[in-house]
Amino acid sequence: MPLVDVLQSIADKANHDLDSVNDFYEHSKVVWNSFEKYVKTGHTLSLTNAATGTTIDETGLLALGTKYTAEYLATFTFRQFVSTFESFFFAFFHRLLQHNPWSYARSQLDFDTVLKAKDRDEIISVVLLKQLNDLKYENIRDWFAELNKAVKLGTPTEDESDSLAELKATRDILEHNAGIVNATYTRKAGKKARYAVGDRIEIDDAYHLSSWRLIKKVVTDLTTSARTKLS
């Protein structure tokens, strides 16, 4: 398959996954709204969680709807947006580098890698994957700097890169620090930081939607630029 088609396939999968997660978020809110209407018409229920032993009725469950949506549903789907972008970026970058590995030739080759590989292409792939795995732990701005050293795509803009850095910093705090902002967040988010140390991160509808839109745009722009350059 031509490289441009491979890259488009990687982007198509990312966009499909992003859309599916956004649909899940919106559909779940519809279910909660429908449940509220269900209760207002006089319906009742009693539910016991066999694992925790907690029993709740329709009034108690309805009261938890806002908390569940804001604290669990929004944060889960937001984290999926960022994880999907990360998977897209490194699959995209890896495939570009396989096409032109000389642009990223900077590692010493491990002899064990040579012995275990079946051919030259596998050696190149393994070495590139190791280098890209190391890059994952750097600031997202460095991701794009490295990408543009290898293949100058001219996208995203500096502002978009800074915004993506803040998204990833937010995801990392939700993932690794229970949503409580620390100095790592402010350093990674830079001038786009939305919180101070000690604040608790909240994912409201506006931020949730703008994050999804930004990631979709960058996926599309990177792919379009690559197709144009490679064609």
C-alpha atoms as a PDB file:
ATOM      1  CA  MET A   1       0.000   0.000   0.000  1.00  0.00           C
ATOM      2  CA  PRO A   2       1.401   3.480  -0.846  1.00  0.00           C
ATOM      3  CA  LEU A   3       2.692   5.406   2.160  1.00  0.00           C
ATOM      4  CA  VAL A   4       0.121   8.199   1.758  1.00  0.00           C
ATOM      5  CA  ASP A   5      -2.663   5.622   1.992  1.00  0.00           C
ATOM      6  CA  VAL A   6      -1.105   4.045   5.085  1.00  0.00           C
ATOM      7  CA  LEU A   7      -0.931   7.446   6.771  1.00  0.00           C
ATOM      8  CA  GLN A   8      -4.521   8.181   5.792  1.00  0.00           C
ATOM      9  CA  SER A   9      -5.584   4.844   7.263  1.00  0.00           C
ATOM     10  CA  ILE A  10      -3.878   5.703  10.554  1.00  0.00           C
ATOM     11  CA  ALA A  11      -5.670   9.062  10.592  1.00  0.00           C
ATOM     12  CA  ASP A  12      -9.018   7.495   9.675  1.00  0.00           C
ATOM     13  CA  LYS A  13      -8.752   5.101  12.616  1.00  0.00           C
ATOM     14  CA  ALA A  14      -7.921   7.949  14.992  1.00  0.00           C
ATOM     15  CA  ASN A  15     -10.841  10.028  13.742  1.00  0.00           C
ATOM     16  CA  HIS A  16     -13.194   7.058  14.019  1.00  0.00           C
ATOM     17  CA  ASP A  17     -12.075   6.410  17.608  1.00  0.00           C
ATOM     18  CA  LEU A  18     -12.378  10.083  18.528  1.00  0.00           C
ATOM     19  CA  ASP A  19     -15.897  10.227  17.086  1.00  0.00           C
ATOM     20  CA  SER A  20     -16.915   7.023  18.867  1.00  0.00           C
ATOM     21  CA  VAL A  21     -15.754   8.315  22.244  1.00  0.00           C
ATOM     22  CA  ASN A  22     -17.506  11.656  21.698  1.00  0.00           C
ATOM     23  CA  ASP A  23     -20.683   9.800  20.722  1.00  0.00           C
ATOM     24  CA  PHE A  24     -20.427   7.719  23.894  1.00  0.00           C
ATOM     25  CA  TYR A  25     -20.159  10.907  25.946  1.00  0.00           C
ATOM     26  CA  GLU A  26     -23.156  12.584  24.310  1.00  0.00           C
ATOM     27  CA  HIS A  27     -25.279   9.427  24.249  1.00  0.00           C
ATOM     28  CA  SER A  28     -24.579   8.811  27.927  1.00  0.00           C
ATOM     29  CA  LYS A  29     -25.817  12.307  28.774  1.00  0.00           C
ATOM     30  CA  VAL A  30     -28.974  11.594  26.789  1.00  0.00           C
ATOM     31  CA  VAL A  31     -29.537   8.464  28.874  1.00  0.00           C
ATOM     32  CA  TRP A  32     -29.239  10.490  32.089  1.00  0.00           C
ATOM     33  CA  ASN A  33     -31.681  13.084  30.741  1.00  0.00           C
ATOM     34  CA  SER A  34     -34.090  10.339  29.770  1.00  0.00           C
ATOM     35  CA  PHE A  35     -33.794   8.832  33.241  1.00  0.00           C
ATOM     36  CA  GLU A  36     -34.648  12.209  34.772  1.00  0.00           C
ATOM     37  CA  LYS A  37     -37.825  12.371  32.653  1.00  0.00           C
ATOM     38  CA  TYR A  38     -38.571   8.764  33.624  1.00  0.00           C
ATOM     39  CA  VAL A  39     -38.425   9.634  37.323  1.00  0.00           C
ATOM     40  CA  LYS A  40     -40.513  12.797  36.884  1.00  0.00           C
ATOM     41  CA  THR A  41     -43.333  10.718  35.415  1.00  0.00           C
ATOM     42  CA  GLY A  42     -43.544   8.789  38.686  1.00  0.00           C
ATOM     43  CA  HIS A  43     -41.435   5.716  38.000  1.00  0.00           C
ATOM     44  CA  THR A  44     -39.393   4.244  40.853  1.00  0.00           C
ATOM     45  CA  LEU A  45     -36.575   1.777  41.271  1.00  0.00           C
ATOM     46  CA  SER A  46     -34.393   0.214  43.931  1.00  0.00           C
ATOM     47  CA  LEU A  47     -30.920  -1.011  43.103  1.00  0.00           C
ATOM     48  CA  THR A  48     -28.377  -2.828  45.263  1.00  0.00           C
ATOM     49  CA  ASN A  49     -24.764  -3.094  44.168  1.00  0.00           C
ATOM     50  CA  ALA A  50     -23.804  -6.670  45.028  1.00  0.00           C
ATOM     51  CA  ALA A  51     -20.114  -5.724  45.267  1.00  0.00           C
ATOM     52  CA  THR A  52     -20.410  -2.764  47.650  1.00  0.00           C
ATOM     53  CA  GLY A  53     -23.746  -3.512  49.283  1.00  0.00           C
ATOM     54  CA  THR A  54     -24.925   0.022  48.478  1.00  0.00           C
ATOM     55  CA  THR A  55     -28.660   0.377  47.920  1.00  0.00           C
ATOM     56  CA  ILE A  56     -30.109   3.374  46.112  1.00  0.00           C
ATOM     57  CA  ASP A  57     -33.517   4.493  44.865  1.00  0.00           C
ATOM     58  CA  GLU A  58     -34.451   6.604  41.858  1.00  0.00           C
ATOM     59  CA  THR A  59     -34.106   9.907  43.758  1.00  0.00           C
ATOM     60  CA  GLY A  60     -30.635   9.101  45.029  1.00  0.00           C
ATOM     61  CA  LEU A  61     -29.486   7.878  41.639  1.00  0.00           C
ATOM     62  CA  LEU A  62     -30.807  10.975  39.905  1.00  0.00           C
ATOM     63  CA  ALA A  63     -28.976  13.181  42.416  1.00  0.00           C
ATOM     64  CA  LEU A  64     -25.718  11.463  41.470  1.00  0.00           C
ATOM     65  CA  GLY A  65     -26.188  12.055  37.732  1.00  0.00           C
ATOM     66  CA  THR A  66     -24.354  15.388  37.591  1.00  0.00           C
ATOM     67  CA  LYS A  67     -21.453  14.071  39.682  1.00  0.00           C
ATOM     68  CA  TYR A  68     -21.128  10.926  37.582  1.00  0.00           C
ATOM     69  CA  THR A  69     -21.201  12.890  34.333  1.00  0.00           C
ATOM     70  CA  ALA A  70     -18.696  15.557  35.402  1.00  0.00           C
ATOM     71  CA  GLU A  71     -16.286  13.514  37.498  1.00  0.00           C
ATOM     72  CA  TYR A  72     -16.305  10.173  35.726  1.00  0.00           C
ATOM     73  CA  LEU A  73     -17.832  10.341  32.258  1.00  0.00           C
ATOM     74  CA  ALA A  74     -16.190  13.612  31.197  1.00  0.00           C
ATOM     75  CA  THR A  75     -12.767  12.758  32.603  1.00  0.00           C
ATOM     76  CA  PHE A  76     -12.792   9.237  31.159  1.00  0.00           C
ATOM     77  CA  THR A  77     -13.710  10.349  27.648  1.00  0.00           C
ATOM     78  CA  PHE A  78     -11.297  13.305  27.761  1.00  0.00           C
ATOM     79  CA  ARG A  79      -8.479  10.953  28.700  1.00  0.00           C
ATOM     80  CA  GLN A  80      -9.454   8.760  25.779  1.00  0.00           C
ATOM     81  CA  PHE A  81      -9.220  11.734  23.407  1.00  0.00           C
ATOM     82  CA  VAL A  82      -5.641  12.418  24.473  1.00  0.00           C
ATOM     83  CA  SER A  83      -4.655   8.734  24.452  1.00  0.00           C
ATOM     84  CA  THR A  84      -6.085   8.366  20.958  1.00  0.00           C
ATOM     85  CA  PHE A  85      -4.044  11.318  19.755  1.00  0.00           C
ATOM     86  CA  GLU A  86      -0.894   9.900  21.333  1.00  0.00           C
ATOM     87  CA  SER A  87      -1.451   6.543  19.620  1.00  0.00           C
ATOM     88  CA  PHE A  88      -2.111   8.279  16.315  1.00  0.00           C
ATOM     89  CA  PHE A  89       0.958  10.505  16.537  1.00  0.00           C
ATOM     90  CA  PHE A  90       3.449   7.752  17.228  1.00  0.00           C
ATOM     91  CA  ALA A  91       1.971   5.363  14.671  1.00  0.00           C
ATOM     92  CA  PHE A  92       2.031   8.189  12.117  1.00  0.00           C
ATOM     93  CA  PHE A  93       5.601   9.255  12.988  1.00  0.00           C
ATOM     94  CA  HIS A  94       6.853   5.655  13.039  1.00  0.00           C
ATOM     95  CA  ARG A  95       5.489   5.006   9.566  1.00  0.00           C
ATOM     96  CA  LEU A  96       7.008   8.205   8.205  1.00  0.00           C
ATOM     97  CA  LEU A  97      10.376   7.271   9.666  1.00  0.00           C
ATOM     98  CA  GLN A  98      10.241   3.778   8.234  1.00  0.00           C
ATOM     99  CA  HIS A  99       9.868   5.453   4.844  1.00  0.00           C
ATOM    100  CA  ASN A 100      12.966   7.598   5.467  1.00  0.00           C
ATOM    101  CA  PRO A 101      14.922   6.261   8.495  1.00  0.00           C
ATOM    102  CA  TRP A 102      18.000   8.329   7.592  1.00  0.00           C
ATOM    103  CA  SER A 103      16.186  11.430   8.786  1.00  0.00           C
ATOM    104  CA  TYR A 104      16.168  10.041  12.341  1.00  0.00           C
ATOM    105  CA  ALA A 105      19.408   8.049  12.411  1.00  0.00           C
ATOM    106  CA  ARG A 106      20.827   8.791  15.827  1.00  0.00           C
ATOM    107  CA  SER A 107      20.916   5.547  17.886  1.00  0.00           C
ATOM    108  CA  GLN A 108      23.614   3.017  18.517  1.00  0.00           C
ATOM    109  CA  LEU A 109      22.417  -0.362  17.295  1.00  0.00           C
ATOM    110  CA  ASP A 110      21.991  -3.064  19.914  1.00  0.00           C
ATOM    111  CA  PHE A 111      23.603  -6.282  18.674  1.00  0.00           C
ATOM    112  CA  ASP A 112      20.824  -8.324  20.291  1.00  0.00           C
ATOM    113  CA  THR A 113      18.343  -6.492  18.062  1.00  0.00           C
ATOM    114  CA  VAL A 114      20.306  -7.534  14.994  1.00  0.00           C
ATOM    115  CA  LEU A 115      20.430 -11.183  16.068  1.00  0.00           C
ATOM    116  CA  LYS A 116      16.700 -11.392  16.745  1.00  0.00           C
ATOM    117  CA  ALA A 117      15.496  -9.526  13.652  1.00  0.00           C
ATOM    118  CA  LYS A 118      14.473 -11.415  10.541  1.00  0.00           C
ATOM    119  CA  ASP A 119      15.548  -8.688   8.109  1.00  0.00           C
ATOM    120  CA  ARG A 120      16.727  -5.081   7.714  1.00  0.00           C
ATOM    121  CA  ASP A 121      13.215  -3.638   7.822  1.00  0.00           C
ATOM    122  CA  GLU A 122      12.535  -5.244  11.182  1.00  0.00           C
ATOM    123  CA  ILE A 123      15.811  -3.916  12.581  1.00  0.00           C
ATOM    124  CA  ILE A 124      14.873  -0.404  11.471  1.00  0.00           C
ATOM    125  CA  SER A 125      11.375  -0.723  12.908  1.00  0.00           C
ATOM    126  CA  VAL A 126      12.588  -1.952  16.315  1.00  0.00           C
ATOM    127  CA  VAL A 127      15.215   0.780  16.632  1.00  0.00           C
ATOM    128  CA  LEU A 128      12.740   3.480  15.648  1.00  0.00           C
ATOM    129  CA  LEU A 129      10.136   2.189  18.084  1.00  0.00           C
ATOM    130  CA  LYS A 130      12.657   2.383  20.925  1.00  0.00           C
ATOM    131  CA  GLN A 131      13.573   5.954  20.055  1.00  0.00           C
ATOM    132  CA  LEU A 132       9.935   6.965  19.752  1.00  0.00           C
ATOM    133  CA  ASN A 133       9.100   5.295  23.048  1.00  0.00           C
ATOM    134  CA  ASP A 134      11.749   7.463  24.704  1.00  0.00           C
ATOM    135  CA  LEU A 135      10.230  10.518  23.017  1.00  0.00           C
ATOM    136  CA  LYS A 136       6.826   9.789  24.575  1.00  0.00           C
ATOM    137  CA  TYR A 137       8.149  10.939  27.949  1.00  0.00           C
ATOM    138  CA  GLU A 138       9.187  14.330  26.616  1.00  0.00           C
ATOM    139  CA  ASN A 139       6.979  17.405  26.366  1.00  0.00           C
ATOM    140  CA  ILE A 140       4.527  17.257  23.498  1.00  0.00           C
ATOM    141  CA  ARG A 141       6.181  20.337  21.982  1.00  0.00           C
ATOM    142  CA  ASP A 142       9.293  18.168  21.595  1.00  0.00           C
ATOM    143  CA  TRP A 143       7.219  15.585  19.708  1.00  0.00           C
ATOM    144  CA  PHE A 144       6.459  18.110  16.993  1.00  0.00           C
ATOM    145  CA  ALA A 145       9.986  19.482  17.003  1.00  0.00           C
ATOM    146  CA  GLU A 146      11.324  15.980  16.329  1.00  0.00           C
ATOM    147  CA  LEU A 147       8.667  15.318  13.698  1.00  0.00           C
ATOM    148  CA  ASN A 148       9.553  18.497  11.833  1.00  0.00           C
ATOM    149  CA  LYS A 149      13.253  17.667  11.948  1.00  0.00           C
ATOM    150  CA  ALA A 150      12.493  14.388  10.206  1.00  0.00           C
ATOM    151  CA  VAL A 151       9.728  15.605   7.866  1.00  0.00           C
ATOM    152  CA  LYS A 152       8.924  19.308   7.861  1.00  0.00           C
ATOM    153  CA  LEU A 153       5.132  19.363   7.745  1.00  0.00           C
ATOM    154  CA  GLY A 154       4.661  22.915   9.036  1.00  0.00           C
ATOM    155  CA  THR A 155       1.828  21.964  11.340  1.00  0.00           C
ATOM    156  CA  PRO A 156       0.475  22.333  14.002  1.00  0.00           C
ATOM    157  CA  THR A 157       0.875  26.018  14.788  1.00  0.00           C
ATOM    158  CA  GLU A 158       2.781  27.079  17.890  1.00  0.00           C
ATOM    159  CA  ASP A 159      -0.498  27.988  19.605  1.00  0.00           C
ATOM    160  CA  GLU A 160      -2.005  24.589  18.778  1.00  0.00           C
ATOM    161  CA  SER A 161       1.124  22.846  20.021  1.00  0.00           C
ATOM    162  CA  ASP A 162       0.920  24.779  23.298  1.00  0.00           C
ATOM    163  CA  SER A 163      -2.776  23.897  23.651  1.00  0.00           C
ATOM    164  CA  LEU A 164      -2.058  20.217  23.039  1.00  0.00           C
ATOM    165  CA  ALA A 165       0.687  20.372  25.660  1.00  0.00           C
ATOM    166  CA  GLU A 166      -1.893  21.641  28.155  1.00  0.00           C
ATOM    167  CA  LEU A 167      -4.312  18.849  27.191  1.00  0.00           C
ATOM    168  CA  LYS A 168      -1.665  16.225  27.788  1.00  0.00           C
ATOM    169  CA  ALA A 169      -0.624  17.851  31.071  1.00  0.00           C
ATOM    170  CA  THR A 170      -4.270  17.739  32.164  1.00  0.00           C
ATOM    171  CA  ARG A 171      -4.600  14.086  31.141  1.00  0.00           C
ATOM    172  CA  ASP A 172      -1.421  13.183  33.032  1.00  0.00           C
ATOM    173  CA  ILE A 173      -2.698  14.824  36.230  1.00  0.00           C
ATOM    174  CA  LEU A 174      -6.028  13.007  35.950  1.00  0.00           C
ATOM    175  CA  GLU A 175      -4.171   9.760  35.304  1.00  0.00           C
ATOM    176  CA  HIS A 176      -1.385   9.989  37.848  1.00  0.00           C
ATOM    177  CA  ASN A 177      -2.319  12.518  40.538  1.00  0.00           C
ATOM    178  CA  ALA A 178      -6.047  12.035  41.098  1.00  0.00           C
ATOM    179  CA  GLY A 179      -6.826  15.310  39.346  1.00  0.00           C
ATOM    180  CA  ILE A 180      -4.913  17.500  41.818  1.00  0.00           C
ATOM    181  CA  VAL A 181      -2.637  19.980  40.048  1.00  0.00           C
ATOM    182  CA  ASN A 182       1.052  19.914  40.902  1.00  0.00           C
ATOM    183  CA  ALA A 183       4.172  21.666  39.631  1.00  0.00           C
ATOM    184  CA  THR A 184       4.560  19.094  36.861  1.00  0.00           C
ATOM    185  CA  TYR A 185       1.279  20.272  35.354  1.00  0.00           C
ATOM    186  CA  THR A 186       2.241  23.941  35.391  1.00  0.00           C
ATOM    187  CA  ARG A 187       5.629  23.148  33.841  1.00  0.00           C
ATOM    188  CA  LYS A 188       4.171  20.991  31.061  1.00  0.00           C
ATOM    189  CA  ALA A 189       1.187  23.252  30.374  1.00  0.00           C
ATOM    190  CA  GLY A 190       3.334  26.393  30.287  1.00  0.00           C
ATOM    191  CA  LYS A 191       1.563  29.581  29.288  1.00  0.00           C
ATOM    192  CA  LYS A 192      -1.656  27.651  28.594  1.00  0.00           C
ATOM    193  CA  ALA A 193      -1.945  26.431  32.197  1.00  0.00           C
ATOM    194  CA  ARG A 194      -5.518  26.784  33.452  1.00  0.00           C
ATOM    195  CA  TYR A 195      -4.869  25.937  37.101  1.00  0.00           C
ATOM    196  CA  ALA A 196      -2.518  26.656  39.988  1.00  0.00           C
ATOM    197  CA  VAL A 197      -0.810  24.055  42.159  1.00  0.00           C
ATOM    198  CA  GLY A 198      -3.332  22.475  44.534  1.00  0.00           C
ATOM    199  CA  ASP A 199      -6.384  23.093  42.324  1.00  0.00           C
ATOM    200  CA  ARG A 200      -8.606  20.221  41.263  1.00  0.00           C
ATOM    201  CA  ILE A 201      -9.034  19.761  37.527  1.00  0.00           C
ATOM    202  CA  GLU A 202     -12.553  19.853  36.108  1.00  0.00           C
ATOM    203  CA  ILE A 203     -13.554  18.871  32.579  1.00  0.00           C
ATOM    204  CA  ASP A 204     -16.584  20.935  31.622  1.00  0.00           C
ATOM    205  CA  ASP A 205     -18.539  20.607  28.373  1.00  0.00           C
ATOM    206  CA  ALA A 206     -16.811  23.529  26.657  1.00  0.00           C
ATOM    207  CA  TYR A 207     -13.290  22.268  27.400  1.00  0.00           C
ATOM    208  CA  HIS A 208     -14.283  18.714  26.519  1.00  0.00           C
ATOM    209  CA  LEU A 209     -15.603  19.776  23.106  1.00  0.00           C
ATOM    210  CA  SER A 210     -12.761  22.173  22.298  1.00  0.00           C
ATOM    211  CA  SER A 211     -10.225  19.448  23.153  1.00  0.00           C
ATOM    212  CA  TRP A 212     -11.903  17.010  20.785  1.00  0.00           C
ATOM    213  CA  ARG A 213     -12.047  19.614  18.029  1.00  0.00           C
ATOM    214  CA  LEU A 214      -8.386  20.570  18.421  1.00  0.00           C
ATOM    215  CA  ILE A 215      -7.187  16.971  18.314  1.00  0.00           C
ATOM    216  CA  LYS A 216      -9.347  16.237  15.258  1.00  0.00           C
ATOM    217  CA  LYS A 217      -7.951  19.309  13.506  1.00  0.00           C
ATOM    218  CA  VAL A 218      -4.330  18.429  14.208  1.00  0.00           C
ATOM    219  CA  VAL A 219      -4.843  14.824  13.047  1.00  0.00           C
ATOM    220  CA  THR A 220      -6.350  16.104   9.811  1.00  0.00           C
ATOM    221  CA  ASP A 221      -3.751  18.833   9.267  1.00  0.00           C
ATOM    222  CA  LEU A 222      -0.788  16.501   9.826  1.00  0.00           C
ATOM    223  CA  THR A 223      -2.220  13.932   7.447  1.00  0.00           C
ATOM    224  CA  THR A 224      -3.098  16.463   4.753  1.00  0.00           C
ATOM    225  CA  SER A 225       0.355  18.054   4.950  1.00  0.00           C
ATOM    226  CA  ALA A 226       2.071  14.668   4.752  1.00  0.00           C
ATOM    227  CA  ARG A 227      -0.027  13.604   1.773  1.00  0.00           C
ATOM    228  CA  THR A 228       0.785  16.830  -0.032  1.00  0.00           C
ATOM    229  CA  LYS A 229       4.519  16.586   0.629  1.00  0.00           C
ATOM    230  CA  LEU A 230       4.819  12.879  -0.201  1.00  0.00           C
ATOM    231  CA  SER A 231       2.688  13.017  -3.335  1.00  0.00           C
END
